[in-house]
Amino acid sequence: MIEFFAPWCPACQQLQPVWNEIAELAEDLGINIAKVDVTEQPGLSGRFIITALPTIYHCKNGVFRRYQGTRTKDDILSFIEEKKWQSIEPVSSWFGPSSFLMNMMSALFKLSMFIRQCHNYLTEQVGIPVWGSYVIFALATLFSGLALGLVLVFIADFVFPSRRFSSPAYYQKKHVEQARLLHQFEEEQEADGEEEEEDEDGKNEEWQREGAAENTVRKRTVVAGEEKDT
């Protein structure tokens, strides 16, 4: 059984006598009793996602279950002796203390605690105003982001090098490909021009044939009219 507490937490202070009594019975119960100060162990509080205090976990064979009963001595002992923990759904492996996600969460909690300590040092020891400490952290965040961006650009340029650093064979191949595409484009244009000329020639011939046919019809009409008059 693991208790997460903080010295400034009133509910944690009320639980301490009960927890100490249970710890005295731990050997008879065949269990281990532990408690973690979240102010001194932010990494552990991050691994277990401690959002309320006090928080009690039951652990057996690497499987963690959160105790959600009342914080009295009888209820906690009943939870242990009657094995009521078996009816509680264990913490998912994705959110287990040893998972990758919780390792990242632990690092985030440690970073937040480190920033808080730096803020307290700047304001209390150095004598910098609170707004000055905020400005310092804002500038540090800005420059660290720029540095991280440059590192990512260098890595990307190394993994996927720019074309300007390619070998001469690359440029030669590129020029050959461009020349081939240009030649293909010119051939297509010539073919389109020839088709257009053929279409125009065909249209002219058709117009000539239609004109000749109309003239023939007119001549026949005129001849037929003269014969009729005669």
C-alpha atoms as a PDB file:
ATOM      1  CA  MET A   1       0.000   0.000   0.000  1.00  0.00           C
ATOM      2  CA  ILE A   2       1.418   3.355  -1.103  1.00  0.00           C
ATOM      3  CA  GLU A   3       0.224   6.738   0.095  1.00  0.00           C
ATOM      4  CA  PHE A   4       1.009   9.915  -1.820  1.00  0.00           C
ATOM      5  CA  PHE A   5       0.876  12.965   0.435  1.00  0.00           C
ATOM      6  CA  ALA A   6       2.157  16.491   0.907  1.00  0.00           C
ATOM      7  CA  PRO A   7       3.177  18.079   4.230  1.00  0.00           C
ATOM      8  CA  TRP A   8       0.905  21.079   3.659  1.00  0.00           C
ATOM      9  CA  CYS A   9      -2.199  18.973   2.892  1.00  0.00           C
ATOM     10  CA  PRO A  10      -4.762  18.967   5.795  1.00  0.00           C
ATOM     11  CA  ALA A  11      -6.392  15.701   4.651  1.00  0.00           C
ATOM     12  CA  CYS A  12      -2.962  14.063   4.528  1.00  0.00           C
ATOM     13  CA  GLN A  13      -2.245  15.235   8.063  1.00  0.00           C
ATOM     14  CA  GLN A  14      -5.497  13.645   9.273  1.00  0.00           C
ATOM     15  CA  LEU A  15      -4.598  10.373   7.581  1.00  0.00           C
ATOM     16  CA  GLN A  16      -1.087  10.112   9.086  1.00  0.00           C
ATOM     17  CA  PRO A  17      -2.111   8.586  12.475  1.00  0.00           C
ATOM     18  CA  VAL A  18      -4.218   5.936  10.713  1.00  0.00           C
ATOM     19  CA  TRP A  19      -1.438   5.216   8.252  1.00  0.00           C
ATOM     20  CA  ASN A  20       1.098   4.834  11.055  1.00  0.00           C
ATOM     21  CA  GLU A  21      -1.159   2.352  12.866  1.00  0.00           C
ATOM     22  CA  ILE A  22      -1.555   0.299   9.693  1.00  0.00           C
ATOM     23  CA  ALA A  23       2.222   0.379   9.202  1.00  0.00           C
ATOM     24  CA  GLU A  24       2.658  -1.187  12.660  1.00  0.00           C
ATOM     25  CA  LEU A  25       0.436  -4.086  11.557  1.00  0.00           C
ATOM     26  CA  ALA A  26       2.143  -4.488   8.193  1.00  0.00           C
ATOM     27  CA  GLU A  27       4.339  -7.400   9.293  1.00  0.00           C
ATOM     28  CA  ASP A  28       1.374  -9.336  10.686  1.00  0.00           C
ATOM     29  CA  LEU A  29      -0.639  -8.654   7.537  1.00  0.00           C
ATOM     30  CA  GLY A  30       2.242  -9.685   5.285  1.00  0.00           C
ATOM     31  CA  ILE A  31       2.273  -6.404   3.373  1.00  0.00           C
ATOM     32  CA  ASN A  32       4.504  -3.393   2.910  1.00  0.00           C
ATOM     33  CA  ILE A  33       3.338   0.107   3.796  1.00  0.00           C
ATOM     34  CA  ALA A  34       4.960   3.111   2.111  1.00  0.00           C
ATOM     35  CA  LYS A  35       4.335   6.810   1.659  1.00  0.00           C
ATOM     36  CA  VAL A  36       5.692   9.278  -0.884  1.00  0.00           C
ATOM     37  CA  ASP A  37       6.087  13.011  -0.379  1.00  0.00           C
ATOM     38  CA  VAL A  38       5.089  14.508  -3.734  1.00  0.00           C
ATOM     39  CA  THR A  39       7.012  17.711  -2.978  1.00  0.00           C
ATOM     40  CA  GLU A  40      10.253  15.722  -2.779  1.00  0.00           C
ATOM     41  CA  GLN A  41       9.423  13.091  -5.432  1.00  0.00           C
ATOM     42  CA  PRO A  42       7.703  14.912  -8.328  1.00  0.00           C
ATOM     43  CA  GLY A  43       8.822  12.168 -10.716  1.00  0.00           C
ATOM     44  CA  LEU A  44       6.865   9.501  -8.850  1.00  0.00           C
ATOM     45  CA  SER A  45       3.797  11.700  -8.571  1.00  0.00           C
ATOM     46  CA  GLY A  46       4.016  12.201 -12.327  1.00  0.00           C
ATOM     47  CA  ARG A  47       4.224   8.461 -12.993  1.00  0.00           C
ATOM     48  CA  PHE A  48       1.038   7.874 -10.988  1.00  0.00           C
ATOM     49  CA  ILE A  49      -0.716  11.077 -12.226  1.00  0.00           C
ATOM     50  CA  ILE A  50      -1.434  12.307  -8.726  1.00  0.00           C
ATOM     51  CA  THR A  51      -4.107  14.989  -9.033  1.00  0.00           C
ATOM     52  CA  ALA A  52      -5.597  14.763  -5.531  1.00  0.00           C
ATOM     53  CA  LEU A  53      -4.121  14.300  -2.069  1.00  0.00           C
ATOM     54  CA  PRO A  54      -3.910  11.991  -0.318  1.00  0.00           C
ATOM     55  CA  THR A  55      -3.958   9.215  -2.935  1.00  0.00           C
ATOM     56  CA  ILE A  56      -3.541   5.549  -2.015  1.00  0.00           C
ATOM     57  CA  TYR A  57      -2.484   2.772  -4.395  1.00  0.00           C
ATOM     58  CA  HIS A  58      -2.452  -0.983  -3.915  1.00  0.00           C
ATOM     59  CA  CYS A  59       0.346  -2.802  -5.692  1.00  0.00           C
ATOM     60  CA  LYS A  60       0.808  -6.548  -6.103  1.00  0.00           C
ATOM     61  CA  ASN A  61       3.042  -8.307  -8.645  1.00  0.00           C
ATOM     62  CA  GLY A  62       3.539  -5.080 -10.567  1.00  0.00           C
ATOM     63  CA  VAL A  63      -0.221  -4.478 -10.943  1.00  0.00           C
ATOM     64  CA  PHE A  64      -1.502  -1.202  -9.532  1.00  0.00           C
ATOM     65  CA  ARG A  65      -5.018  -0.450  -8.299  1.00  0.00           C
ATOM     66  CA  ARG A  66      -6.240   2.819  -6.855  1.00  0.00           C
ATOM     67  CA  TYR A  67      -7.918   2.681  -3.459  1.00  0.00           C
ATOM     68  CA  GLN A  68     -11.128   4.718  -3.528  1.00  0.00           C
ATOM     69  CA  GLY A  69     -12.714   3.757  -0.198  1.00  0.00           C
ATOM     70  CA  THR A  70     -12.937   5.738   2.986  1.00  0.00           C
ATOM     71  CA  ARG A  71      -9.682   6.501   4.788  1.00  0.00           C
ATOM     72  CA  THR A  72     -10.440   4.803   8.056  1.00  0.00           C
ATOM     73  CA  LYS A  73      -8.318   2.108   9.649  1.00  0.00           C
ATOM     74  CA  ASP A  74     -11.066  -0.543   9.544  1.00  0.00           C
ATOM     75  CA  ASP A  75     -11.912   0.058   5.889  1.00  0.00           C
ATOM     76  CA  ILE A  76      -8.289  -0.023   4.774  1.00  0.00           C
ATOM     77  CA  LEU A  77      -7.611  -3.219   6.766  1.00  0.00           C
ATOM     78  CA  SER A  78     -10.777  -4.779   5.334  1.00  0.00           C
ATOM     79  CA  PHE A  79      -9.632  -3.815   1.856  1.00  0.00           C
ATOM     80  CA  ILE A  80      -6.376  -5.721   2.487  1.00  0.00           C
ATOM     81  CA  GLU A  81      -7.533  -8.727   4.509  1.00  0.00           C
ATOM     82  CA  GLU A  82     -10.689  -9.484   2.523  1.00  0.00           C
ATOM     83  CA  LYS A  83      -8.864  -8.861  -0.765  1.00  0.00           C
ATOM     84  CA  LYS A  84     -11.403  -6.334  -1.951  1.00  0.00           C
ATOM     85  CA  TRP A  85      -8.728  -5.005  -4.271  1.00  0.00           C
ATOM     86  CA  GLN A  86      -9.434  -7.943  -6.596  1.00  0.00           C
ATOM     87  CA  SER A  87     -12.755  -6.348  -7.575  1.00  0.00           C
ATOM     88  CA  ILE A  88     -11.057  -3.104  -8.669  1.00  0.00           C
ATOM     89  CA  GLU A  89      -9.950  -2.725 -12.258  1.00  0.00           C
ATOM     90  CA  PRO A  90      -6.159  -2.367 -12.404  1.00  0.00           C
ATOM     91  CA  VAL A  91      -4.412   0.552 -14.013  1.00  0.00           C
ATOM     92  CA  SER A  92      -3.989   0.054 -17.759  1.00  0.00           C
ATOM     93  CA  SER A  93      -0.537  -0.894 -18.987  1.00  0.00           C
ATOM     94  CA  TRP A  94      -0.560   2.265 -21.105  1.00  0.00           C
ATOM     95  CA  PHE A  95      -0.818   4.340 -17.924  1.00  0.00           C
ATOM     96  CA  GLY A  96       1.274   2.094 -15.690  1.00  0.00           C
ATOM     97  CA  PRO A  97       4.144   3.708 -13.753  1.00  0.00           C
ATOM     98  CA  SER A  98       6.754   1.964 -15.909  1.00  0.00           C
ATOM     99  CA  SER A  99       5.150   2.747 -19.285  1.00  0.00           C
ATOM    100  CA  PHE A 100       6.739   5.128 -21.792  1.00  0.00           C
ATOM    101  CA  LEU A 101       3.865   7.588 -21.418  1.00  0.00           C
ATOM    102  CA  MET A 102       4.281   7.780 -17.653  1.00  0.00           C
ATOM    103  CA  ASN A 103       8.047   8.144 -18.037  1.00  0.00           C
ATOM    104  CA  MET A 104       7.401  11.231 -20.149  1.00  0.00           C
ATOM    105  CA  MET A 105       4.880  12.468 -17.589  1.00  0.00           C
ATOM    106  CA  SER A 106       7.460  11.957 -14.852  1.00  0.00           C
ATOM    107  CA  ALA A 107      10.006  14.009 -16.779  1.00  0.00           C
ATOM    108  CA  LEU A 108       7.402  16.750 -17.229  1.00  0.00           C
ATOM    109  CA  PHE A 109       6.694  16.841 -13.488  1.00  0.00           C
ATOM    110  CA  LYS A 110      10.413  17.012 -12.722  1.00  0.00           C
ATOM    111  CA  LEU A 111      10.812  19.858 -15.202  1.00  0.00           C
ATOM    112  CA  SER A 112       7.928  21.773 -13.654  1.00  0.00           C
ATOM    113  CA  MET A 113       9.439  21.341 -10.189  1.00  0.00           C
ATOM    114  CA  PHE A 114      12.832  22.496 -11.462  1.00  0.00           C
ATOM    115  CA  ILE A 115      11.252  25.604 -13.017  1.00  0.00           C
ATOM    116  CA  ARG A 116       9.464  26.336  -9.765  1.00  0.00           C
ATOM    117  CA  GLN A 117      12.697  26.049  -7.795  1.00  0.00           C
ATOM    118  CA  CYS A 118      14.439  28.365 -10.236  1.00  0.00           C
ATOM    119  CA  HIS A 119      11.591  30.857  -9.926  1.00  0.00           C
ATOM    120  CA  ASN A 120      11.811  30.787  -6.136  1.00  0.00           C
ATOM    121  CA  TYR A 121      15.572  31.223  -6.262  1.00  0.00           C
ATOM    122  CA  LEU A 122      15.346  34.212  -8.605  1.00  0.00           C
ATOM    123  CA  THR A 123      12.634  35.954  -6.596  1.00  0.00           C
ATOM    124  CA  GLU A 124      13.766  35.102  -3.053  1.00  0.00           C
ATOM    125  CA  GLN A 125      17.555  34.789  -3.230  1.00  0.00           C
ATOM    126  CA  VAL A 126      18.514  37.063  -6.121  1.00  0.00           C
ATOM    127  CA  GLY A 127      15.745  39.584  -5.475  1.00  0.00           C
ATOM    128  CA  ILE A 128      14.362  39.739  -9.021  1.00  0.00           C
ATOM    129  CA  PRO A 129      10.701  40.861  -9.248  1.00  0.00           C
ATOM    130  CA  VAL A 130       8.121  38.260 -10.140  1.00  0.00           C
ATOM    131  CA  TRP A 131       7.486  39.844 -13.545  1.00  0.00           C
ATOM    132  CA  GLY A 132      11.240  39.822 -14.192  1.00  0.00           C
ATOM    133  CA  SER A 133      11.345  36.083 -13.496  1.00  0.00           C
ATOM    134  CA  TYR A 134       8.483  35.576 -15.964  1.00  0.00           C
ATOM    135  CA  VAL A 135      10.362  37.570 -18.606  1.00  0.00           C
ATOM    136  CA  ILE A 136      13.478  35.452 -18.088  1.00  0.00           C
ATOM    137  CA  PHE A 137      11.521  32.214 -18.486  1.00  0.00           C
ATOM    138  CA  ALA A 138       9.731  33.581 -21.568  1.00  0.00           C
ATOM    139  CA  LEU A 139      13.056  34.441 -23.227  1.00  0.00           C
ATOM    140  CA  ALA A 140      14.517  31.082 -22.233  1.00  0.00           C
ATOM    141  CA  THR A 141      11.509  29.323 -23.766  1.00  0.00           C
ATOM    142  CA  LEU A 142      11.855  31.368 -26.964  1.00  0.00           C
ATOM    143  CA  PHE A 143      15.564  30.700 -27.433  1.00  0.00           C
ATOM    144  CA  SER A 144      15.248  27.030 -26.525  1.00  0.00           C
ATOM    145  CA  GLY A 145      12.514  26.703 -29.163  1.00  0.00           C
ATOM    146  CA  LEU A 146      14.744  28.365 -31.768  1.00  0.00           C
ATOM    147  CA  ALA A 147      17.637  26.083 -30.844  1.00  0.00           C
ATOM    148  CA  LEU A 148      15.418  23.003 -31.087  1.00  0.00           C
ATOM    149  CA  GLY A 149      14.149  24.179 -34.481  1.00  0.00           C
ATOM    150  CA  LEU A 150      17.706  24.573 -35.779  1.00  0.00           C
ATOM    151  CA  VAL A 151      18.606  21.112 -34.542  1.00  0.00           C
ATOM    152  CA  LEU A 152      15.584  19.630 -36.316  1.00  0.00           C
ATOM    153  CA  VAL A 153      16.520  21.484 -39.536  1.00  0.00           C
ATOM    154  CA  PHE A 154      20.089  20.128 -39.378  1.00  0.00           C
ATOM    155  CA  ILE A 155      18.821  16.597 -38.791  1.00  0.00           C
ATOM    156  CA  ALA A 156      16.334  16.849 -41.671  1.00  0.00           C
ATOM    157  CA  ASP A 157      19.025  18.265 -43.972  1.00  0.00           C
ATOM    158  CA  PHE A 158      21.356  15.428 -43.020  1.00  0.00           C
ATOM    159  CA  VAL A 159      18.748  12.705 -43.529  1.00  0.00           C
ATOM    160  CA  PHE A 160      17.278  14.296 -46.675  1.00  0.00           C
ATOM    161  CA  PRO A 161      20.134  16.330 -48.227  1.00  0.00           C
ATOM    162  CA  SER A 162      19.276  19.303 -50.409  1.00  0.00           C
ATOM    163  CA  ARG A 163      19.562  18.969 -54.208  1.00  0.00           C
ATOM    164  CA  ARG A 164      22.231  21.647 -54.366  1.00  0.00           C
ATOM    165  CA  PHE A 165      24.624  19.196 -52.715  1.00  0.00           C
ATOM    166  CA  SER A 166      23.873  16.402 -55.174  1.00  0.00           C
ATOM    167  CA  SER A 167      26.535  14.834 -57.400  1.00  0.00           C
ATOM    168  CA  PRO A 168      27.218  15.986 -61.014  1.00  0.00           C
ATOM    169  CA  ALA A 169      25.588  12.797 -62.247  1.00  0.00           C
ATOM    170  CA  TYR A 170      22.319  14.013 -60.769  1.00  0.00           C
ATOM    171  CA  TYR A 171      22.482  17.270 -62.744  1.00  0.00           C
ATOM    172  CA  GLN A 172      23.438  15.414 -65.936  1.00  0.00           C
ATOM    173  CA  LYS A 173      20.516  13.067 -65.536  1.00  0.00           C
ATOM    174  CA  LYS A 174      18.247  16.023 -64.803  1.00  0.00           C
ATOM    175  CA  HIS A 175      19.347  17.855 -67.984  1.00  0.00           C
ATOM    176  CA  VAL A 176      18.825  14.730 -70.092  1.00  0.00           C
ATOM    177  CA  GLU A 177      15.344  14.305 -68.687  1.00  0.00           C
ATOM    178  CA  GLN A 178      14.496  17.954 -69.351  1.00  0.00           C
ATOM    179  CA  ALA A 179      15.794  17.683 -72.952  1.00  0.00           C
ATOM    180  CA  ARG A 180      13.729  14.552 -73.521  1.00  0.00           C
ATOM    181  CA  LEU A 181      10.585  16.230 -72.207  1.00  0.00           C
ATOM    182  CA  LEU A 182      11.240  19.314 -74.341  1.00  0.00           C
ATOM    183  CA  HIS A 183      11.751  17.188 -77.467  1.00  0.00           C
ATOM    184  CA  GLN A 184       8.556  15.249 -76.721  1.00  0.00           C
ATOM    185  CA  PHE A 185       6.655  18.510 -76.287  1.00  0.00           C
ATOM    186  CA  GLU A 186       7.936  19.857 -79.619  1.00  0.00           C
ATOM    187  CA  GLU A 187       6.952  16.634 -81.415  1.00  0.00           C
ATOM    188  CA  GLU A 188       3.465  16.856 -79.978  1.00  0.00           C
ATOM    189  CA  GLN A 189       3.164  20.461 -81.135  1.00  0.00           C
ATOM    190  CA  GLU A 190       4.317  19.519 -84.661  1.00  0.00           C
ATOM    191  CA  ALA A 191       1.836  16.644 -84.774  1.00  0.00           C
ATOM    192  CA  ASP A 192      -0.964  18.955 -83.662  1.00  0.00           C
ATOM    193  CA  GLY A 193       0.042  21.481 -86.367  1.00  0.00           C
ATOM    194  CA  GLU A 194       0.002  18.817 -89.077  1.00  0.00           C
ATOM    195  CA  GLU A 195      -3.430  17.642 -87.980  1.00  0.00           C
ATOM    196  CA  GLU A 196      -4.747  21.201 -88.099  1.00  0.00           C
ATOM    197  CA  GLU A 197      -3.346  21.695 -91.638  1.00  0.00           C
ATOM    198  CA  GLU A 198      -4.917  18.435 -92.799  1.00  0.00           C
ATOM    199  CA  ASP A 199      -8.231  19.499 -91.296  1.00  0.00           C
ATOM    200  CA  GLU A 200      -8.048  22.869 -93.058  1.00  0.00           C
ATOM    201  CA  ASP A 201      -7.147  21.226 -96.411  1.00  0.00           C
ATOM    202  CA  GLY A 202     -10.046  18.831 -96.044  1.00  0.00           C
ATOM    203  CA  LYS A 203     -12.421  21.685 -95.267  1.00  0.00           C
ATOM    204  CA  ASN A 204     -11.213  23.649 -98.340  1.00  0.00           C
ATOM    205  CA  GLU A 205     -11.712  20.642-100.622  1.00  0.00           C
ATOM    206  CA  GLU A 206     -15.165  20.087 -99.203  1.00  0.00           C
ATOM    207  CA  TRP A 207     -16.060  23.737 -99.731  1.00  0.00           C
ATOM    208  CA  GLN A 208     -14.815  23.533-103.345  1.00  0.00           C
ATOM    209  CA  ARG A 209     -16.907  20.443-104.022  1.00  0.00           C
ATOM    210  CA  GLU A 210     -19.979  22.085-102.530  1.00  0.00           C
ATOM    211  CA  GLY A 211     -19.360  25.217-104.640  1.00  0.00           C
ATOM    212  CA  ALA A 212     -18.994  23.192-107.792  1.00  0.00           C
ATOM    213  CA  ALA A 213     -22.179  21.282-107.056  1.00  0.00           C
ATOM    214  CA  GLU A 214     -24.093  24.527-106.517  1.00  0.00           C
ATOM    215  CA  ASN A 215     -22.806  25.940-109.810  1.00  0.00           C
ATOM    216  CA  THR A 216     -23.861  22.785-111.635  1.00  0.00           C
ATOM    217  CA  VAL A 217     -27.347  22.989-110.159  1.00  0.00           C
ATOM    218  CA  ARG A 218     -27.624  26.633-111.176  1.00  0.00           C
ATOM    219  CA  LYS A 219     -26.518  25.880-114.732  1.00  0.00           C
ATOM    220  CA  ARG A 220     -29.053  23.079-115.028  1.00  0.00           C
ATOM    221  CA  THR A 221     -31.764  25.336-113.731  1.00  0.00           C
ATOM    222  CA  VAL A 222     -30.925  28.041-116.217  1.00  0.00           C
ATOM    223  CA  VAL A 223     -30.814  25.560-119.153  1.00  0.00           C
ATOM    224  CA  ALA A 224     -34.126  24.066-118.126  1.00  0.00           C
ATOM    225  CA  GLY A 225     -35.672  27.528-118.009  1.00  0.00           C
ATOM    226  CA  GLU A 226     -34.425  28.397-121.527  1.00  0.00           C
ATOM    227  CA  GLU A 227     -35.803  25.119-122.963  1.00  0.00           C
ATOM    228  CA  LYS A 228     -39.152  25.825-121.331  1.00  0.00           C
ATOM    229  CA  ASP A 229     -39.343  29.289-122.909  1.00  0.00           C
ATOM    230  CA  THR A 230     -38.532  27.864-126.315  1.00  0.00           C
END
